[in-house]
Amino acid sequence: MLLFAIKIHRMPRETILAVCDSEILGMKFMDGEKRIEVYRSFYGDREIGEDELGQYMSEATIVNIVGHRSVAKAIELGYVDPERVLVIGKTVHAQFAILLK
């Protein structure tokens, strides 16, 4: 089973979901000026399966995603435009937000 690491950050008006491929937790990726560190404190260490990831994404107002599998799932679910994915070294990063009414 493919696992994803997640953490939910609740704010007064926002629910932020941080998600990454579980195997890249703690790793750093760099490509020139672009860099990202997949901090366990932000992305969490709660592991979920692929079937649960869509539900968490649908409940968040902001989603921050790192990793090829995580970003691919967000694209598959229609949340992320593949043209908007940022390549940083050997990984990919995407974000999306749901506008509140």
PDB file of N, CA and C in Angstrom:
ATOM      1  N   MET A   1       0.842  -1.190   0.000  1.00  0.00           N
ATOM      2  CA  MET A   1       0.000   0.000   0.000  1.00  0.00           C
ATOM      3  C   MET A   1       0.882   1.246   0.000  1.00  0.00           C
ATOM      4  N   LEU A   2       0.550   2.218  -0.854  1.00  0.00           N
ATOM      5  CA  LEU A   2       1.283   3.473  -0.914  1.00  0.00           C
ATOM      6  C   LEU A   2       0.851   4.364   0.233  1.00  0.00           C
ATOM      7  N   LEU A   3       1.834   4.919   0.939  1.00  0.00           N
ATOM      8  CA  LEU A   3       1.524   5.737   2.105  1.00  0.00           C
ATOM      9  C   LEU A   3       1.924   7.182   1.891  1.00  0.00           C
ATOM     10  N   PHE A   4       1.117   8.038   2.490  1.00  0.00           N
ATOM     11  CA  PHE A   4       1.345   9.468   2.457  1.00  0.00           C
ATOM     12  C   PHE A   4       1.403   9.955   3.899  1.00  0.00           C
ATOM     13  N   ALA A   5       2.269  10.918   4.171  1.00  0.00           N
ATOM     14  CA  ALA A   5       2.333  11.538   5.487  1.00  0.00           C
ATOM     15  C   ALA A   5       1.514  12.823   5.431  1.00  0.00           C
ATOM     16  N   ILE A   6       0.710  13.051   6.460  1.00  0.00           N
ATOM     17  CA  ILE A   6      -0.117  14.263   6.488  1.00  0.00           C
ATOM     18  C   ILE A   6      -0.085  14.910   7.864  1.00  0.00           C
ATOM     19  N   LYS A   7      -0.410  16.179   7.849  1.00  0.00           N
ATOM     20  CA  LYS A   7      -0.659  16.913   9.091  1.00  0.00           C
ATOM     21  C   LYS A   7      -1.683  17.987   8.767  1.00  0.00           C
ATOM     22  N   ILE A   8      -2.636  18.145   9.641  1.00  0.00           N
ATOM     23  CA  ILE A   8      -3.674  19.160   9.472  1.00  0.00           C
ATOM     24  C   ILE A   8      -3.371  20.306  10.423  1.00  0.00           C
ATOM     25  N   HIS A   9      -3.308  21.508   9.861  1.00  0.00           N
ATOM     26  CA  HIS A   9      -3.066  22.714  10.640  1.00  0.00           C
ATOM     27  C   HIS A   9      -4.372  23.514  10.612  1.00  0.00           C
ATOM     28  N   ARG A  10      -4.990  23.687  11.775  1.00  0.00           N
ATOM     29  CA  ARG A  10      -6.269  24.401  11.838  1.00  0.00           C
ATOM     30  C   ARG A  10      -6.038  25.841  12.287  1.00  0.00           C
ATOM     31  N   MET A  11      -6.587  26.742  11.509  1.00  0.00           N
ATOM     32  CA  MET A  11      -6.539  28.169  11.793  1.00  0.00           C
ATOM     33  C   MET A  11      -7.989  28.630  11.958  1.00  0.00           C
ATOM     34  N   PRO A  12      -8.208  29.850  12.440  1.00  0.00           N
ATOM     35  CA  PRO A  12      -9.596  30.295  12.616  1.00  0.00           C
ATOM     36  C   PRO A  12     -10.441  30.196  11.341  1.00  0.00           C
ATOM     37  N   ARG A  13      -9.871  30.578  10.175  1.00  0.00           N
ATOM     38  CA  ARG A  13     -10.668  30.549   8.939  1.00  0.00           C
ATOM     39  C   ARG A  13     -10.135  29.568   7.902  1.00  0.00           C
ATOM     40  N   GLU A  14      -9.081  28.881   8.216  1.00  0.00           N
ATOM     41  CA  GLU A  14      -8.465  27.982   7.238  1.00  0.00           C
ATOM     42  C   GLU A  14      -8.164  26.616   7.850  1.00  0.00           C
ATOM     43  N   THR A  15      -8.214  25.612   7.008  1.00  0.00           N
ATOM     44  CA  THR A  15      -7.736  24.283   7.370  1.00  0.00           C
ATOM     45  C   THR A  15      -6.664  23.936   6.348  1.00  0.00           C
ATOM     46  N   ILE A  16      -5.426  23.889   6.812  1.00  0.00           N
ATOM     47  CA  ILE A  16      -4.302  23.640   5.924  1.00  0.00           C
ATOM     48  C   ILE A  16      -3.905  22.171   6.036  1.00  0.00           C
ATOM     49  N   LEU A  17      -3.854  21.507   4.899  1.00  0.00           N
ATOM     50  CA  LEU A  17      -3.396  20.119   4.833  1.00  0.00           C
ATOM     51  C   LEU A  17      -2.005  20.113   4.231  1.00  0.00           C
ATOM     52  N   ALA A  18      -1.054  19.589   4.962  1.00  0.00           N
ATOM     53  CA  ALA A  18       0.293  19.373   4.453  1.00  0.00           C
ATOM     54  C   ALA A  18       0.404  17.878   4.162  1.00  0.00           C
ATOM     55  N   VAL A  19       0.805  17.529   2.945  1.00  0.00           N
ATOM     56  CA  VAL A  19       0.895  16.122   2.558  1.00  0.00           C
ATOM     57  C   VAL A  19       2.151  15.892   1.736  1.00  0.00           C
ATOM     58  N   CYS A  20       2.776  14.752   1.973  1.00  0.00           N
ATOM     59  CA  CYS A  20       3.947  14.380   1.190  1.00  0.00           C
ATOM     60  C   CYS A  20       4.020  12.865   1.069  1.00  0.00           C
ATOM     61  N   ASP A  21       4.810  12.413   0.115  1.00  0.00           N
ATOM     62  CA  ASP A  21       5.114  10.986   0.037  1.00  0.00           C
ATOM     63  C   ASP A  21       5.857  10.635   1.325  1.00  0.00           C
ATOM     64  N   SER A  22       5.429   9.607   2.019  1.00  0.00           N
ATOM     65  CA  SER A  22       5.985   9.329   3.346  1.00  0.00           C
ATOM     66  C   SER A  22       7.498   9.099   3.344  1.00  0.00           C
ATOM     67  N   GLU A  23       8.038   8.584   2.252  1.00  0.00           N
ATOM     68  CA  GLU A  23       9.470   8.262   2.238  1.00  0.00           C
ATOM     69  C   GLU A  23      10.372   9.495   2.092  1.00  0.00           C
ATOM     70  N   ILE A  24       9.811  10.673   1.830  1.00  0.00           N
ATOM     71  CA  ILE A  24      10.667  11.861   1.690  1.00  0.00           C
ATOM     72  C   ILE A  24      10.642  12.760   2.928  1.00  0.00           C
ATOM     73  N   LEU A  25       9.954  12.340   3.982  1.00  0.00           N
ATOM     74  CA  LEU A  25       9.955  13.125   5.226  1.00  0.00           C
ATOM     75  C   LEU A  25      11.391  13.356   5.682  1.00  0.00           C
ATOM     76  N   GLY A  26      11.693  14.589   6.037  1.00  0.00           N
ATOM     77  CA  GLY A  26      13.017  14.929   6.534  1.00  0.00           C
ATOM     78  C   GLY A  26      14.042  15.230   5.452  1.00  0.00           C
ATOM     79  N   MET A  27      13.684  15.083   4.200  1.00  0.00           N
ATOM     80  CA  MET A  27      14.634  15.316   3.108  1.00  0.00           C
ATOM     81  C   MET A  27      14.613  16.771   2.650  1.00  0.00           C
ATOM     82  N   LYS A  28      15.728  17.204   2.019  1.00  0.00           N
ATOM     83  CA  LYS A  28      15.859  18.536   1.438  1.00  0.00           C
ATOM     84  C   LYS A  28      16.040  18.368  -0.065  1.00  0.00           C
ATOM     85  N   PHE A  29      15.425  19.273  -0.821  1.00  0.00           N
ATOM     86  CA  PHE A  29      15.554  19.257  -2.271  1.00  0.00           C
ATOM     87  C   PHE A  29      15.930  20.660  -2.724  1.00  0.00           C
ATOM     88  N   MET A  30      16.885  20.739  -3.656  1.00  0.00           N
ATOM     89  CA  MET A  30      17.355  22.028  -4.145  1.00  0.00           C
ATOM     90  C   MET A  30      17.542  21.973  -5.652  1.00  0.00           C
ATOM     91  N   ASP A  31      17.310  23.131  -6.268  1.00  0.00           N
ATOM     92  CA  ASP A  31      17.535  23.300  -7.700  1.00  0.00           C
ATOM     93  C   ASP A  31      17.778  24.785  -7.926  1.00  0.00           C
ATOM     94  N   GLY A  32      19.015  25.196  -7.901  1.00  0.00           N
ATOM     95  CA  GLY A  32      19.337  26.621  -8.010  1.00  0.00           C
ATOM     96  C   GLY A  32      18.771  27.384  -6.834  1.00  0.00           C
ATOM     97  N   GLU A  33      17.957  28.375  -7.122  1.00  0.00           N
ATOM     98  CA  GLU A  33      17.339  29.199  -6.076  1.00  0.00           C
ATOM     99  C   GLU A  33      16.165  28.500  -5.399  1.00  0.00           C
ATOM    100  N   LYS A  34      15.616  27.490  -6.050  1.00  0.00           N
ATOM    101  CA  LYS A  34      14.458  26.781  -5.489  1.00  0.00           C
ATOM    102  C   LYS A  34      14.943  25.733  -4.500  1.00  0.00           C
ATOM    103  N   ARG A  35      14.298  25.712  -3.344  1.00  0.00           N
ATOM    104  CA  ARG A  35      14.641  24.699  -2.338  1.00  0.00           C
ATOM    105  C   ARG A  35      13.434  24.432  -1.453  1.00  0.00           C
ATOM    106  N   ILE A  36      13.342  23.207  -0.996  1.00  0.00           N
ATOM    107  CA  ILE A  36      12.265  22.848  -0.070  1.00  0.00           C
ATOM    108  C   ILE A  36      12.793  21.794   0.882  1.00  0.00           C
ATOM    109  N   GLU A  37      12.428  21.938   2.139  1.00  0.00           N
ATOM    110  CA  GLU A  37      12.758  20.928   3.136  1.00  0.00           C
ATOM    111  C   GLU A  37      11.445  20.355   3.657  1.00  0.00           C
ATOM    112  N   VAL A  38      11.351  19.055   3.637  1.00  0.00           N
ATOM    113  CA  VAL A  38      10.115  18.373   4.020  1.00  0.00           C
ATOM    114  C   VAL A  38      10.175  18.098   5.530  1.00  0.00           C
ATOM    115  N   TYR A  39       9.892  19.138   6.290  1.00  0.00           N
ATOM    116  CA  TYR A  39       9.958  19.059   7.754  1.00  0.00           C
ATOM    117  C   TYR A  39       8.852  18.170   8.305  1.00  0.00           C
ATOM    118  N   ARG A  40       9.238  17.268   9.182  1.00  0.00           N
ATOM    119  CA  ARG A  40       8.265  16.409   9.863  1.00  0.00           C
ATOM    120  C   ARG A  40       7.306  17.256  10.696  1.00  0.00           C
ATOM    121  N   SER A  41       7.802  18.357  11.257  1.00  0.00           N
ATOM    122  CA  SER A  41       6.947  19.211  12.089  1.00  0.00           C
ATOM    123  C   SER A  41       5.822  19.865  11.277  1.00  0.00           C
ATOM    124  N   PHE A  42       6.020  20.073   9.977  1.00  0.00           N
ATOM    125  CA  PHE A  42       4.979  20.662   9.141  1.00  0.00           C
ATOM    126  C   PHE A  42       4.163  19.600   8.412  1.00  0.00           C
ATOM    127  N   TYR A  43       4.844  18.626   7.827  1.00  0.00           N
ATOM    128  CA  TYR A  43       4.136  17.616   7.030  1.00  0.00           C
ATOM    129  C   TYR A  43       3.617  16.461   7.868  1.00  0.00           C
ATOM    130  N   GLY A  44       4.075  16.346   9.093  1.00  0.00           N
ATOM    131  CA  GLY A  44       3.528  15.353  10.008  1.00  0.00           C
ATOM    132  C   GLY A  44       4.084  13.965   9.800  1.00  0.00           C
ATOM    133  N   ASP A  45       3.613  13.083  10.637  1.00  0.00           N
ATOM    134  CA  ASP A  45       4.041  11.701  10.499  1.00  0.00           C
ATOM    135  C   ASP A  45       2.855  10.739  10.620  1.00  0.00           C
ATOM    136  N   ARG A  46       1.667  11.295  10.429  1.00  0.00           N
ATOM    137  CA  ARG A  46       0.489  10.423  10.379  1.00  0.00           C
ATOM    138  C   ARG A  46       0.415   9.858   8.966  1.00  0.00           C
ATOM    139  N   GLU A  47       0.457   8.557   8.845  1.00  0.00           N
ATOM    140  CA  GLU A  47       0.426   7.939   7.528  1.00  0.00           C
ATOM    141  C   GLU A  47      -0.978   7.475   7.161  1.00  0.00           C
ATOM    142  N   ILE A  48      -1.349   7.779   5.929  1.00  0.00           N
ATOM    143  CA  ILE A  48      -2.653   7.353   5.418  1.00  0.00           C
ATOM    144  C   ILE A  48      -2.445   6.706   4.054  1.00  0.00           C
ATOM    145  N   GLY A  49      -3.447   5.969   3.623  1.00  0.00           N
ATOM    146  CA  GLY A  49      -3.406   5.334   2.319  1.00  0.00           C
ATOM    147  C   GLY A  49      -3.973   6.234   1.235  1.00  0.00           C
ATOM    148  N   GLU A  50      -3.761   5.817  -0.001  1.00  0.00           N
ATOM    149  CA  GLU A  50      -4.202   6.585  -1.157  1.00  0.00           C
ATOM    150  C   GLU A  50      -5.713   6.813  -1.159  1.00  0.00           C
ATOM    151  N   ASP A  51      -6.464   5.840  -0.703  1.00  0.00           N
ATOM    152  CA  ASP A  51      -7.922   5.961  -0.711  1.00  0.00           C
ATOM    153  C   ASP A  51      -8.423   7.044   0.240  1.00  0.00           C
ATOM    154  N   GLU A  52      -7.670   7.385   1.263  1.00  0.00           N
ATOM    155  CA  GLU A  52      -8.075   8.420   2.224  1.00  0.00           C
ATOM    156  C   GLU A  52      -7.650   9.826   1.807  1.00  0.00           C
ATOM    157  N   LEU A  53      -6.635   9.927   0.973  1.00  0.00           N
ATOM    158  CA  LEU A  53      -6.044  11.218   0.662  1.00  0.00           C
ATOM    159  C   LEU A  53      -7.043  12.185   0.021  1.00  0.00           C
ATOM    160  N   GLY A  54      -7.857  11.708  -0.882  1.00  0.00           N
ATOM    161  CA  GLY A  54      -8.846  12.557  -1.534  1.00  0.00           C
ATOM    162  C   GLY A  54      -9.820  13.178  -0.555  1.00  0.00           C
ATOM    163  N   GLN A  55     -10.229  12.424   0.444  1.00  0.00           N
ATOM    164  CA  GLN A  55     -11.159  12.945   1.444  1.00  0.00           C
ATOM    165  C   GLN A  55     -10.524  14.083   2.234  1.00  0.00           C
ATOM    166  N   TYR A  56      -9.268  13.912   2.647  1.00  0.00           N
ATOM    167  CA  TYR A  56      -8.580  14.979   3.381  1.00  0.00           C
ATOM    168  C   TYR A  56      -8.424  16.218   2.517  1.00  0.00           C
ATOM    169  N   MET A  57      -8.095  16.035   1.232  1.00  0.00           N
ATOM    170  CA  MET A  57      -7.944  17.179   0.333  1.00  0.00           C
ATOM    171  C   MET A  57      -9.263  17.931   0.171  1.00  0.00           C
ATOM    172  N   SER A  58     -10.347  17.200   0.113  1.00  0.00           N
ATOM    173  CA  SER A  58     -11.651  17.846  -0.086  1.00  0.00           C
ATOM    174  C   SER A  58     -12.103  18.641   1.132  1.00  0.00           C
ATOM    175  N   GLU A  59     -11.575  18.342   2.295  1.00  0.00           N
ATOM    176  CA  GLU A  59     -11.970  19.024   3.522  1.00  0.00           C
ATOM    177  C   GLU A  59     -11.080  20.215   3.862  1.00  0.00           C
ATOM    178  N   ALA A  60      -9.959  20.381   3.162  1.00  0.00           N
ATOM    179  CA  ALA A  60      -9.012  21.457   3.456  1.00  0.00           C
ATOM    180  C   ALA A  60      -9.335  22.697   2.625  1.00  0.00           C
ATOM    181  N   THR A  61      -8.917  23.858   3.133  1.00  0.00           N
ATOM    182  CA  THR A  61      -9.050  25.083   2.353  1.00  0.00           C
ATOM    183  C   THR A  61      -7.744  25.419   1.635  1.00  0.00           C
ATOM    184  N   ILE A  62      -6.625  24.956   2.169  1.00  0.00           N
ATOM    185  CA  ILE A  62      -5.311  25.126   1.551  1.00  0.00           C
ATOM    186  C   ILE A  62      -4.594  23.788   1.644  1.00  0.00           C
ATOM    187  N   VAL A  63      -3.971  23.374   0.547  1.00  0.00           N
ATOM    188  CA  VAL A  63      -3.225  22.113   0.548  1.00  0.00           C
ATOM    189  C   VAL A  63      -1.827  22.369   0.001  1.00  0.00           C
ATOM    190  N   ASN A  64      -0.831  21.914   0.745  1.00  0.00           N
ATOM    191  CA  ASN A  64       0.578  22.020   0.382  1.00  0.00           C
ATOM    192  C   ASN A  64       1.065  20.594   0.149  1.00  0.00           C
ATOM    193  N   ILE A  65       1.609  20.308  -1.040  1.00  0.00           N
ATOM    194  CA  ILE A  65       1.902  18.933  -1.445  1.00  0.00           C
ATOM    195  C   ILE A  65       3.343  18.820  -1.937  1.00  0.00           C
ATOM    196  N   VAL A  66       4.048  17.790  -1.477  1.00  0.00           N
ATOM    197  CA  VAL A  66       5.403  17.510  -1.953  1.00  0.00           C
ATOM    198  C   VAL A  66       5.517  16.022  -2.252  1.00  0.00           C
ATOM    199  N   GLY A  67       6.140  15.715  -3.371  1.00  0.00           N
ATOM    200  CA  GLY A  67       6.399  14.317  -3.733  1.00  0.00           C
ATOM    201  C   GLY A  67       5.638  13.908  -4.980  1.00  0.00           C
ATOM    202  N   HIS A  68       6.266  13.059  -5.763  1.00  0.00           N
ATOM    203  CA  HIS A  68       5.680  12.647  -7.046  1.00  0.00           C
ATOM    204  C   HIS A  68       4.328  11.957  -6.892  1.00  0.00           C
ATOM    205  N   ARG A  69       4.201  11.042  -5.950  1.00  0.00           N
ATOM    206  CA  ARG A  69       2.931  10.325  -5.783  1.00  0.00           C
ATOM    207  C   ARG A  69       1.833  11.233  -5.257  1.00  0.00           C
ATOM    208  N   SER A  70       2.172  12.073  -4.289  1.00  0.00           N
ATOM    209  CA  SER A  70       1.181  12.987  -3.704  1.00  0.00           C
ATOM    210  C   SER A  70       0.668  13.975  -4.731  1.00  0.00           C
ATOM    211  N   VAL A  71       1.573  14.573  -5.486  1.00  0.00           N
ATOM    212  CA  VAL A  71       1.169  15.541  -6.503  1.00  0.00           C
ATOM    213  C   VAL A  71       0.378  14.842  -7.608  1.00  0.00           C
ATOM    214  N   ALA A  72       0.801  13.643  -8.000  1.00  0.00           N
ATOM    215  CA  ALA A  72       0.067  12.895  -9.035  1.00  0.00           C
ATOM    216  C   ALA A  72      -1.366  12.615  -8.600  1.00  0.00           C
ATOM    217  N   LYS A  73      -1.567  12.295  -7.325  1.00  0.00           N
ATOM    218  CA  LYS A  73      -2.917  12.032  -6.822  1.00  0.00           C
ATOM    219  C   LYS A  73      -3.759  13.313  -6.864  1.00  0.00           C
ATOM    220  N   ALA A  74      -3.165  14.449  -6.496  1.00  0.00           N
ATOM    221  CA  ALA A  74      -3.894  15.719  -6.542  1.00  0.00           C
ATOM    222  C   ALA A  74      -4.266  16.078  -7.986  1.00  0.00           C
ATOM    223  N   ILE A  75      -3.401  15.768  -8.935  1.00  0.00           N
ATOM    224  CA  ILE A  75      -3.702  15.993 -10.349  1.00  0.00           C
ATOM    225  C   ILE A  75      -4.831  15.070 -10.785  1.00  0.00           C
ATOM    226  N   GLU A  76      -4.726  13.791 -10.417  1.00  0.00           N
ATOM    227  CA  GLU A  76      -5.753  12.803 -10.772  1.00  0.00           C
ATOM    228  C   GLU A  76      -7.130  13.205 -10.255  1.00  0.00           C
ATOM    229  N   LEU A  77      -7.171  13.789  -9.058  1.00  0.00           N
ATOM    230  CA  LEU A  77      -8.438  14.200  -8.444  1.00  0.00           C
ATOM    231  C   LEU A  77      -8.939  15.544  -8.967  1.00  0.00           C
ATOM    232  N   GLY A  78      -8.151  16.198  -9.808  1.00  0.00           N
ATOM    233  CA  GLY A  78      -8.575  17.454 -10.403  1.00  0.00           C
ATOM    234  C   GLY A  78      -8.284  18.693  -9.583  1.00  0.00           C
ATOM    235  N   TYR A  79      -7.486  18.570  -8.544  1.00  0.00           N
ATOM    236  CA  TYR A  79      -7.171  19.723  -7.707  1.00  0.00           C
ATOM    237  C   TYR A  79      -6.003  20.548  -8.234  1.00  0.00           C
ATOM    238  N   VAL A  80      -5.093  19.920  -8.954  1.00  0.00           N
ATOM    239  CA  VAL A  80      -3.873  20.590  -9.398  1.00  0.00           C
ATOM    240  C   VAL A  80      -3.740  20.478 -10.913  1.00  0.00           C
ATOM    241  N   ASP A  81      -3.427  21.599 -11.553  1.00  0.00           N
ATOM    242  CA  ASP A  81      -3.128  21.636 -12.982  1.00  0.00           C
ATOM    243  C   ASP A  81      -1.680  21.178 -13.152  1.00  0.00           C
ATOM    244  N   PRO A  82      -1.421  20.161 -13.969  1.00  0.00           N
ATOM    245  CA  PRO A  82      -0.052  19.675 -14.145  1.00  0.00           C
ATOM    246  C   PRO A  82       0.916  20.764 -14.619  1.00  0.00           C
ATOM    247  N   GLU A  83       0.402  21.772 -15.298  1.00  0.00           N
ATOM    248  CA  GLU A  83       1.248  22.870 -15.775  1.00  0.00           C
ATOM    249  C   GLU A  83       1.713  23.772 -14.636  1.00  0.00           C
ATOM    250  N   ARG A  84       1.096  23.658 -13.476  1.00  0.00           N
ATOM    251  CA  ARG A  84       1.414  24.507 -12.328  1.00  0.00           C
ATOM    252  C   ARG A  84       2.314  23.817 -11.299  1.00  0.00           C
ATOM    253  N   VAL A  85       2.795  22.631 -11.606  1.00  0.00           N
ATOM    254  CA  VAL A  85       3.634  21.872 -10.672  1.00  0.00           C
ATOM    255  C   VAL A  85       5.067  22.387 -10.756  1.00  0.00           C
ATOM    256  N   LEU A  86       5.656  22.625  -9.613  1.00  0.00           N
ATOM    257  CA  LEU A  86       7.015  23.127  -9.513  1.00  0.00           C
ATOM    258  C   LEU A  86       7.972  21.950  -9.306  1.00  0.00           C
ATOM    259  N   VAL A  87       8.993  21.862 -10.135  1.00  0.00           N
ATOM    260  CA  VAL A  87      10.019  20.835  -9.987  1.00  0.00           C
ATOM    261  C   VAL A  87      11.153  21.435  -9.173  1.00  0.00           C
ATOM    262  N   ILE A  88      11.510  20.758  -8.089  1.00  0.00           N
ATOM    263  CA  ILE A  88      12.602  21.210  -7.226  1.00  0.00           C
ATOM    264  C   ILE A  88      13.551  20.031  -7.043  1.00  0.00           C
ATOM    265  N   GLY A  89      14.651  20.053  -7.745  1.00  0.00           N
ATOM    266  CA  GLY A  89      15.586  18.940  -7.682  1.00  0.00           C
ATOM    267  C   GLY A  89      14.918  17.663  -8.136  1.00  0.00           C
ATOM    268  N   LYS A  90      14.918  16.661  -7.270  1.00  0.00           N
ATOM    269  CA  LYS A  90      14.353  15.358  -7.611  1.00  0.00           C
ATOM    270  C   LYS A  90      12.933  15.158  -7.112  1.00  0.00           C
ATOM    271  N   THR A  91      12.253  16.236  -6.758  1.00  0.00           N
ATOM    272  CA  THR A  91      10.868  16.106  -6.321  1.00  0.00           C
ATOM    273  C   THR A  91      10.000  17.172  -6.989  1.00  0.00           C
ATOM    274  N   VAL A  92       8.730  17.146  -6.669  1.00  0.00           N
ATOM    275  CA  VAL A  92       7.783  18.127  -7.194  1.00  0.00           C
ATOM    276  C   VAL A  92       6.982  18.708  -6.036  1.00  0.00           C
ATOM    277  N   HIS A  93       6.457  19.920  -6.265  1.00  0.00           N
ATOM    278  CA  HIS A  93       5.716  20.624  -5.228  1.00  0.00           C
ATOM    279  C   HIS A  93       4.519  21.314  -5.873  1.00  0.00           C
ATOM    280  N   ALA A  94       3.396  21.314  -5.177  1.00  0.00           N
ATOM    281  CA  ALA A  94       2.203  22.018  -5.650  1.00  0.00           C
ATOM    282  C   ALA A  94       1.415  22.504  -4.445  1.00  0.00           C
ATOM    283  N   GLN A  95       0.597  23.514  -4.693  1.00  0.00           N
ATOM    284  CA  GLN A  95      -0.312  24.037  -3.677  1.00  0.00           C
ATOM    285  C   GLN A  95      -1.628  24.370  -4.354  1.00  0.00           C
ATOM    286  N   PHE A  96      -2.699  24.281  -3.574  1.00  0.00           N
ATOM    287  CA  PHE A  96      -3.958  24.792  -4.073  1.00  0.00           C
ATOM    288  C   PHE A  96      -4.781  25.270  -2.892  1.00  0.00           C
ATOM    289  N   ALA A  97      -5.716  26.153  -3.202  1.00  0.00           N
ATOM    290  CA  ALA A  97      -6.597  26.704  -2.168  1.00  0.00           C
ATOM    291  C   ALA A  97      -8.029  26.674  -2.680  1.00  0.00           C
ATOM    292  N   ILE A  98      -8.940  26.480  -1.766  1.00  0.00           N
ATOM    293  CA  ILE A  98     -10.364  26.545  -2.057  1.00  0.00           C
ATOM    294  C   ILE A  98     -10.850  27.896  -1.553  1.00  0.00           C
ATOM    295  N   LEU A  99     -11.439  28.690  -2.421  1.00  0.00           N
ATOM    296  CA  LEU A  99     -11.919  30.003  -2.007  1.00  0.00           C
ATOM    297  C   LEU A  99     -13.141  29.875  -1.124  1.00  0.00           C
ATOM    298  N   LEU A 100     -13.110  30.578   0.004  1.00  0.00           N
ATOM    299  CA  LEU A 100     -14.235  30.589   0.926  1.00  0.00           C
ATOM    300  C   LEU A 100     -15.234  31.642   0.499  1.00  0.00           C
ATOM    301  N   LYS A 101     -16.499  31.346   0.699  1.00  0.00           N
ATOM    302  CA  LYS A 101     -17.545  32.329   0.351  1.00  0.00           C
ATOM    303  C   LYS A 101     -17.953  33.087   1.576  1.00  0.00           C
TER     304      LYS A 101
END
